[in-house]
Amino acid sequence: MHTQIIRLPAVLERTGLGRSTLFAKIKAEQFPRQIKLGARSSGWLADEVDAWIQQCKAASRPSDGGAQ
């Protein structure tokens, strides 16, 4: 299984969040934490970011019971 690590610019682009909002959500445990890649670099697991996006989508759209 291939796990992709994405850096901050890609996370911001994917989520539409600003940098300060992203880090505030991390601090409030409302967004996945980054992983350390080196002394001065970090990244996020793309799967976790995508799962967070799906959770936001599900929470913002009421269930319509399958009606189209």
N, C-alpha and C. Protein backbone atom coordinates (compact mmCIF):
# COMPACT_ATOMS: atom_id res chain seq x y z
N MET A 1 0.83 -1.17 0.00
CA MET A 1 0.00 0.00 0.00
C MET A 1 0.88 1.24 0.00
N HIS A 2 0.56 2.19 -0.85
CA HIS A 2 1.35 3.41 -1.00
C HIS A 2 0.67 4.56 -0.26
N THR A 3 1.37 5.13 0.71
CA THR A 3 0.84 6.27 1.45
C THR A 3 1.57 7.51 0.98
N GLN A 4 0.81 8.49 0.52
CA GLN A 4 1.40 9.72 0.03
C GLN A 4 1.48 10.75 1.16
N ILE A 5 2.60 11.43 1.23
CA ILE A 5 2.78 12.51 2.18
C ILE A 5 2.72 13.81 1.40
N ILE A 6 1.89 14.73 1.86
CA ILE A 6 1.77 16.02 1.17
C ILE A 6 2.26 17.13 2.09
N ARG A 7 2.84 18.14 1.49
CA ARG A 7 3.40 19.26 2.24
C ARG A 7 2.36 20.36 2.43
N LEU A 8 2.69 21.35 3.23
CA LEU A 8 1.77 22.41 3.62
C LEU A 8 1.06 23.09 2.44
N PRO A 9 1.76 23.53 1.40
CA PRO A 9 1.03 24.19 0.30
C PRO A 9 -0.06 23.31 -0.31
N ALA A 10 0.20 22.03 -0.43
CA ALA A 10 -0.79 21.11 -1.00
C ALA A 10 -1.97 20.92 -0.04
N VAL A 11 -1.71 20.89 1.27
CA VAL A 11 -2.78 20.76 2.25
C VAL A 11 -3.68 21.99 2.20
N LEU A 12 -3.08 23.16 2.14
CA LEU A 12 -3.85 24.40 2.08
C LEU A 12 -4.69 24.45 0.81
N GLU A 13 -4.10 24.03 -0.29
CA GLU A 13 -4.84 24.02 -1.56
C GLU A 13 -5.99 23.01 -1.53
N ARG A 14 -5.73 21.83 -0.99
CA ARG A 14 -6.75 20.78 -0.94
C ARG A 14 -7.92 21.14 -0.06
N THR A 15 -7.63 21.78 1.07
CA THR A 15 -8.67 22.06 2.05
C THR A 15 -9.33 23.41 1.87
N GLY A 16 -8.63 24.34 1.26
CA GLY A 16 -9.15 25.70 1.13
C GLY A 16 -8.98 26.52 2.41
N LEU A 17 -8.28 25.97 3.38
CA LEU A 17 -8.05 26.66 4.64
C LEU A 17 -6.84 27.58 4.52
N GLY A 18 -6.81 28.61 5.36
CA GLY A 18 -5.62 29.43 5.49
C GLY A 18 -4.66 28.78 6.46
N ARG A 19 -3.42 29.22 6.42
CA ARG A 19 -2.38 28.63 7.26
C ARG A 19 -2.73 28.74 8.75
N SER A 20 -3.12 29.92 9.21
CA SER A 20 -3.41 30.09 10.63
C SER A 20 -4.64 29.29 11.05
N THR A 21 -5.63 29.20 10.17
CA THR A 21 -6.83 28.40 10.47
C THR A 21 -6.47 26.93 10.58
N LEU A 22 -5.63 26.46 9.66
CA LEU A 22 -5.20 25.06 9.68
C LEU A 22 -4.53 24.72 11.01
N PHE A 23 -3.58 25.55 11.43
CA PHE A 23 -2.85 25.26 12.66
C PHE A 23 -3.73 25.43 13.90
N ALA A 24 -4.71 26.32 13.84
CA ALA A 24 -5.67 26.44 14.95
C ALA A 24 -6.51 25.17 15.05
N LYS A 25 -6.91 24.62 13.91
CA LYS A 25 -7.68 23.37 13.91
C LYS A 25 -6.84 22.21 14.43
N ILE A 26 -5.57 22.18 14.09
CA ILE A 26 -4.68 21.13 14.60
C ILE A 26 -4.59 21.24 16.12
N LYS A 27 -4.38 22.46 16.61
CA LYS A 27 -4.27 22.67 18.05
C LYS A 27 -5.54 22.26 18.78
N ALA A 28 -6.70 22.51 18.15
CA ALA A 28 -7.99 22.14 18.75
C ALA A 28 -8.36 20.69 18.47
N GLU A 29 -7.44 19.94 17.87
CA GLU A 29 -7.64 18.53 17.53
C GLU A 29 -8.83 18.33 16.60
N GLN A 30 -9.01 19.27 15.65
CA GLN A 30 -10.07 19.20 14.66
C GLN A 30 -9.52 18.92 13.27
N PHE A 31 -8.23 18.67 13.18
CA PHE A 31 -7.57 18.36 11.91
C PHE A 31 -6.40 17.44 12.21
N PRO A 32 -6.08 16.52 11.30
CA PRO A 32 -4.97 15.58 11.56
C PRO A 32 -3.64 16.31 11.76
N ARG A 33 -2.85 15.80 12.68
CA ARG A 33 -1.53 16.36 12.95
C ARG A 33 -0.56 15.99 11.84
N GLN A 34 0.40 16.85 11.64
CA GLN A 34 1.45 16.57 10.67
C GLN A 34 2.45 15.57 11.26
N ILE A 35 3.24 14.98 10.39
CA ILE A 35 4.30 14.08 10.82
C ILE A 35 5.64 14.72 10.48
N LYS A 36 6.62 14.52 11.34
CA LYS A 36 7.94 15.08 11.11
C LYS A 36 8.66 14.28 10.04
N LEU A 37 9.23 14.99 9.06
CA LEU A 37 9.99 14.36 8.00
C LEU A 37 11.49 14.59 8.19
N GLY A 38 11.81 15.59 8.94
CA GLY A 38 13.20 15.94 9.20
C GLY A 38 13.24 17.01 10.26
N ALA A 39 14.42 17.59 10.46
CA ALA A 39 14.58 18.60 11.50
C ALA A 39 13.71 19.82 11.25
N ARG A 40 13.53 20.20 9.98
CA ARG A 40 12.77 21.41 9.66
C ARG A 40 11.69 21.18 8.62
N SER A 41 11.22 19.97 8.53
CA SER A 41 10.17 19.70 7.54
C SER A 41 9.14 18.74 8.11
N SER A 42 7.92 18.91 7.62
CA SER A 42 6.83 18.03 8.04
C SER A 42 5.84 17.92 6.90
N GLY A 43 4.96 16.95 7.03
CA GLY A 43 3.95 16.73 6.00
C GLY A 43 2.75 16.04 6.62
N TRP A 44 1.74 15.88 5.82
CA TRP A 44 0.50 15.24 6.26
C TRP A 44 0.25 14.02 5.40
N LEU A 45 -0.39 13.01 5.99
CA LEU A 45 -0.78 11.84 5.21
C LEU A 45 -2.00 12.22 4.38
N ALA A 46 -1.89 12.06 3.08
CA ALA A 46 -2.97 12.46 2.17
C ALA A 46 -4.27 11.75 2.52
N ASP A 47 -4.20 10.49 2.94
CA ASP A 47 -5.40 9.74 3.31
C ASP A 47 -6.15 10.42 4.45
N GLU A 48 -5.40 10.91 5.45
CA GLU A 48 -6.03 11.55 6.60
C GLU A 48 -6.66 12.89 6.22
N VAL A 49 -5.98 13.64 5.35
CA VAL A 49 -6.52 14.92 4.89
C VAL A 49 -7.80 14.68 4.09
N ASP A 50 -7.76 13.69 3.20
CA ASP A 50 -8.93 13.36 2.39
C ASP A 50 -10.10 12.90 3.27
N ALA A 51 -9.81 12.12 4.32
CA ALA A 51 -10.85 11.67 5.23
C ALA A 51 -11.48 12.86 5.96
N TRP A 52 -10.65 13.84 6.35
CA TRP A 52 -11.16 15.04 7.01
C TRP A 52 -12.09 15.80 6.07
N ILE A 53 -11.70 15.92 4.81
CA ILE A 53 -12.54 16.60 3.81
C ILE A 53 -13.88 15.88 3.67
N GLN A 54 -13.85 14.56 3.62
CA GLN A 54 -15.09 13.79 3.50
C GLN A 54 -15.98 13.97 4.73
N GLN A 55 -15.38 14.04 5.92
CA GLN A 55 -16.15 14.28 7.15
C GLN A 55 -16.84 15.64 7.10
N CYS A 56 -16.12 16.65 6.63
CA CYS A 56 -16.71 18.00 6.50
C CYS A 56 -17.85 17.98 5.50
N LYS A 57 -17.65 17.28 4.41
CA LYS A 57 -18.69 17.18 3.38
C LYS A 57 -19.94 16.51 3.95
N ALA A 58 -19.75 15.40 4.64
CA ALA A 58 -20.89 14.66 5.20
C ALA A 58 -21.62 15.49 6.25
N ALA A 59 -20.87 16.26 7.06
CA ALA A 59 -21.49 17.06 8.11
C ALA A 59 -22.25 18.26 7.55
N SER A 60 -21.85 18.73 6.38
CA SER A 60 -22.48 19.93 5.84
C SER A 60 -23.66 19.65 4.91
N ARG A 61 -23.86 18.38 4.57
CA ARG A 61 -24.95 18.03 3.67
C ARG A 61 -25.93 17.10 4.37
N PRO A 62 -27.16 17.55 4.50
CA PRO A 62 -28.14 16.71 5.18
C PRO A 62 -28.43 15.44 4.36
N SER A 63 -28.70 14.39 5.07
CA SER A 63 -29.05 13.14 4.42
C SER A 63 -30.39 13.30 3.75
N ASP A 64 -30.48 12.89 2.50
CA ASP A 64 -31.74 13.03 1.78
C ASP A 64 -32.44 11.69 1.58
N GLY A 65 -31.93 10.65 2.22
CA GLY A 65 -32.57 9.35 2.15
C GLY A 65 -32.46 8.69 0.79
N GLY A 66 -31.51 9.16 -0.02
CA GLY A 66 -31.31 8.54 -1.34
C GLY A 66 -32.13 9.15 -2.44
N ALA A 67 -32.94 10.15 -2.16
CA ALA A 67 -33.75 10.79 -3.20
C ALA A 67 -32.87 11.63 -4.11
N GLN A 68 -33.24 11.70 -5.37
CA GLN A 68 -32.45 12.49 -6.32
C GLN A 68 -33.23 13.64 -6.86
